Amino acid sequence: MFGIGMPELLIILVIVFLIFGANRLPEIGAGIGKAIRNFKKSIKESPEIDVTPKKENEHIKSNKK
């Protein structure tokens, strides 16, 4: 149905290389890798709920003095 072959991938890589340059490609790859790792980590972990009360009242009181 929708397949990307080797020629299409090469064209995309050349376009990305021309837009970002050789210096930025490792930074982009590292950023994408970190994002994927964090996404997988967030899916596997159970959600933690923070039930500690916020200290807004103390902040308001200290400003009134």
N, C-alpha and C. Protein backbone atom coordinates (compact mmCIF):
# COMPACT_ATOMS: atom_id res chain seq x y z
N MET A 1 0.84 -1.19 0.00
CA MET A 1 0.00 0.00 0.00
C MET A 1 0.88 1.25 0.00
N PHE A 2 1.44 1.59 1.15
CA PHE A 2 2.31 2.76 1.24
C PHE A 2 3.68 2.28 1.66
N GLY A 3 4.59 2.25 0.74
CA GLY A 3 5.93 1.78 1.05
C GLY A 3 6.96 2.80 0.63
N ILE A 4 7.94 2.95 1.48
CA ILE A 4 9.04 3.85 1.15
C ILE A 4 10.25 2.98 0.85
N GLY A 5 10.71 3.08 -0.35
CA GLY A 5 11.85 2.29 -0.77
C GLY A 5 13.16 3.02 -0.53
N MET A 6 14.23 2.40 -0.96
CA MET A 6 15.56 2.96 -0.77
C MET A 6 15.75 4.29 -1.51
N PRO A 7 15.30 4.43 -2.76
CA PRO A 7 15.48 5.72 -3.44
C PRO A 7 14.77 6.88 -2.73
N GLU A 8 13.57 6.61 -2.22
CA GLU A 8 12.84 7.66 -1.52
C GLU A 8 13.54 8.06 -0.23
N LEU A 9 14.07 7.07 0.51
CA LEU A 9 14.79 7.37 1.75
C LEU A 9 16.05 8.18 1.47
N LEU A 10 16.74 7.86 0.40
CA LEU A 10 17.95 8.62 0.05
C LEU A 10 17.61 10.06 -0.30
N ILE A 11 16.54 10.27 -1.02
CA ILE A 11 16.13 11.63 -1.38
C ILE A 11 15.78 12.42 -0.12
N ILE A 12 15.05 11.79 0.80
CA ILE A 12 14.68 12.46 2.05
C ILE A 12 15.93 12.80 2.87
N LEU A 13 16.88 11.86 2.96
CA LEU A 13 18.11 12.11 3.70
C LEU A 13 18.94 13.24 3.09
N VAL A 14 18.99 13.31 1.77
CA VAL A 14 19.72 14.39 1.11
C VAL A 14 19.06 15.73 1.41
N ILE A 15 17.75 15.79 1.36
CA ILE A 15 17.04 17.04 1.65
C ILE A 15 17.28 17.47 3.10
N VAL A 16 17.20 16.53 4.03
CA VAL A 16 17.46 16.84 5.44
C VAL A 16 18.89 17.32 5.62
N PHE A 17 19.83 16.67 4.95
CA PHE A 17 21.24 17.06 5.03
C PHE A 17 21.44 18.48 4.51
N LEU A 18 20.77 18.83 3.42
CA LEU A 18 20.91 20.17 2.86
C LEU A 18 20.28 21.24 3.76
N ILE A 19 19.18 20.90 4.40
CA ILE A 19 18.49 21.87 5.24
C ILE A 19 19.26 22.12 6.54
N PHE A 20 19.65 21.05 7.23
CA PHE A 20 20.23 21.19 8.56
C PHE A 20 21.75 21.21 8.57
N GLY A 21 22.40 20.63 7.60
CA GLY A 21 23.85 20.59 7.56
C GLY A 21 24.40 19.42 8.35
N ALA A 22 25.68 19.16 8.15
CA ALA A 22 26.31 17.99 8.76
C ALA A 22 26.51 18.16 10.26
N ASN A 23 26.67 19.37 10.73
CA ASN A 23 26.92 19.60 12.15
C ASN A 23 25.70 19.36 13.01
N ARG A 24 24.53 19.65 12.49
CA ARG A 24 23.31 19.55 13.29
C ARG A 24 22.70 18.16 13.29
N LEU A 25 23.03 17.30 12.34
CA LEU A 25 22.40 15.98 12.26
C LEU A 25 22.62 15.13 13.50
N PRO A 26 23.82 15.07 14.10
CA PRO A 26 23.96 14.28 15.33
C PRO A 26 23.12 14.83 16.49
N GLU A 27 23.01 16.15 16.57
CA GLU A 27 22.18 16.76 17.62
C GLU A 27 20.71 16.39 17.44
N ILE A 28 20.26 16.41 16.21
CA ILE A 28 18.86 16.07 15.92
C ILE A 28 18.61 14.60 16.24
N GLY A 29 19.54 13.73 15.84
CA GLY A 29 19.40 12.30 16.14
C GLY A 29 19.38 12.03 17.63
N ALA A 30 20.25 12.70 18.38
CA ALA A 30 20.28 12.51 19.83
C ALA A 30 18.98 13.00 20.47
N GLY A 31 18.47 14.11 19.99
CA GLY A 31 17.21 14.64 20.52
C GLY A 31 16.03 13.72 20.25
N ILE A 32 15.99 13.15 19.07
CA ILE A 32 14.91 12.22 18.73
C ILE A 32 15.03 10.95 19.57
N GLY A 33 16.27 10.47 19.77
CA GLY A 33 16.48 9.29 20.61
C GLY A 33 16.04 9.50 22.05
N LYS A 34 16.36 10.67 22.61
CA LYS A 34 15.94 10.99 23.98
C LYS A 34 14.43 11.07 24.07
N ALA A 35 13.81 11.66 23.08
CA ALA A 35 12.36 11.79 23.08
C ALA A 35 11.69 10.42 23.04
N ILE A 36 12.19 9.53 22.22
CA ILE A 36 11.61 8.18 22.13
C ILE A 36 11.81 7.43 23.44
N ARG A 37 13.02 7.55 24.03
CA ARG A 37 13.28 6.88 25.31
C ARG A 37 12.36 7.39 26.41
N ASN A 38 12.19 8.71 26.48
CA ASN A 38 11.30 9.28 27.50
C ASN A 38 9.85 8.86 27.29
N PHE A 39 9.44 8.77 26.03
CA PHE A 39 8.07 8.35 25.73
C PHE A 39 7.85 6.91 26.18
N LYS A 40 8.80 6.02 25.85
CA LYS A 40 8.67 4.62 26.25
C LYS A 40 8.68 4.49 27.77
N LYS A 41 9.54 5.26 28.42
CA LYS A 41 9.64 5.24 29.88
C LYS A 41 8.34 5.70 30.53
N SER A 42 7.72 6.73 29.97
CA SER A 42 6.48 7.25 30.55
C SER A 42 5.32 6.27 30.36
N ILE A 43 5.36 5.48 29.30
CA ILE A 43 4.30 4.50 29.08
C ILE A 43 4.42 3.35 30.06
N LYS A 44 5.66 2.90 30.35
CA LYS A 44 5.88 1.75 31.21
C LYS A 44 5.67 2.07 32.69
N GLU A 45 5.96 3.30 33.11
CA GLU A 45 5.85 3.65 34.52
C GLU A 45 4.40 3.87 34.92
N SER A 46 4.12 3.53 36.18
CA SER A 46 2.78 3.82 36.69
C SER A 46 2.70 5.30 37.01
N PRO A 47 1.55 5.89 36.82
CA PRO A 47 1.43 7.33 37.07
C PRO A 47 1.57 7.63 38.56
N GLU A 48 2.35 8.64 38.87
CA GLU A 48 2.52 9.07 40.24
C GLU A 48 1.70 10.33 40.45
N ILE A 49 0.95 10.32 41.52
CA ILE A 49 0.09 11.46 41.82
C ILE A 49 0.69 12.20 43.01
N ASP A 50 0.92 13.48 42.83
CA ASP A 50 1.48 14.31 43.90
C ASP A 50 0.32 14.83 44.74
N VAL A 51 0.27 14.41 46.01
CA VAL A 51 -0.84 14.81 46.88
C VAL A 51 -0.39 15.80 47.95
N THR A 52 0.83 16.30 47.84
CA THR A 52 1.27 17.29 48.82
C THR A 52 0.56 18.60 48.56
N PRO A 53 0.10 19.25 49.64
CA PRO A 53 -0.63 20.51 49.45
C PRO A 53 0.32 21.62 49.00
N LYS A 54 -0.20 22.48 48.17
CA LYS A 54 0.59 23.62 47.72
C LYS A 54 0.61 24.67 48.82
N LYS A 55 1.66 25.44 48.86
CA LYS A 55 1.83 26.43 49.91
C LYS A 55 1.52 27.82 49.39
N GLU A 56 0.40 27.99 48.73
CA GLU A 56 0.01 29.29 48.19
C GLU A 56 -0.32 30.25 49.32
N ASN A 57 -0.99 29.75 50.36
CA ASN A 57 -1.41 30.63 51.44
C ASN A 57 -0.20 31.25 52.14
N GLU A 58 0.86 30.49 52.35
CA GLU A 58 2.05 31.04 52.99
C GLU A 58 2.70 32.10 52.11
N HIS A 59 2.69 31.88 50.80
CA HIS A 59 3.27 32.85 49.87
C HIS A 59 2.46 34.15 49.91
N ILE A 60 1.16 34.05 49.96
CA ILE A 60 0.30 35.24 49.99
C ILE A 60 0.50 35.98 51.32
N LYS A 61 0.58 35.25 52.42
CA LYS A 61 0.77 35.89 53.72
C LYS A 61 2.10 36.62 53.80
N SER A 62 3.16 36.04 53.23
CA SER A 62 4.47 36.67 53.31
C SER A 62 4.52 37.94 52.46
N ASN A 63 3.72 38.02 51.41
CA ASN A 63 3.69 39.22 50.57
C ASN A 63 2.94 40.37 51.24
N LYS A 64 2.00 40.05 52.13
CA LYS A 64 1.19 41.09 52.78
C LYS A 64 1.95 41.81 53.87
N LYS A 65 3.02 41.23 54.40
CA LYS A 65 3.77 41.84 55.50
C LYS A 65 4.49 43.07 55.09
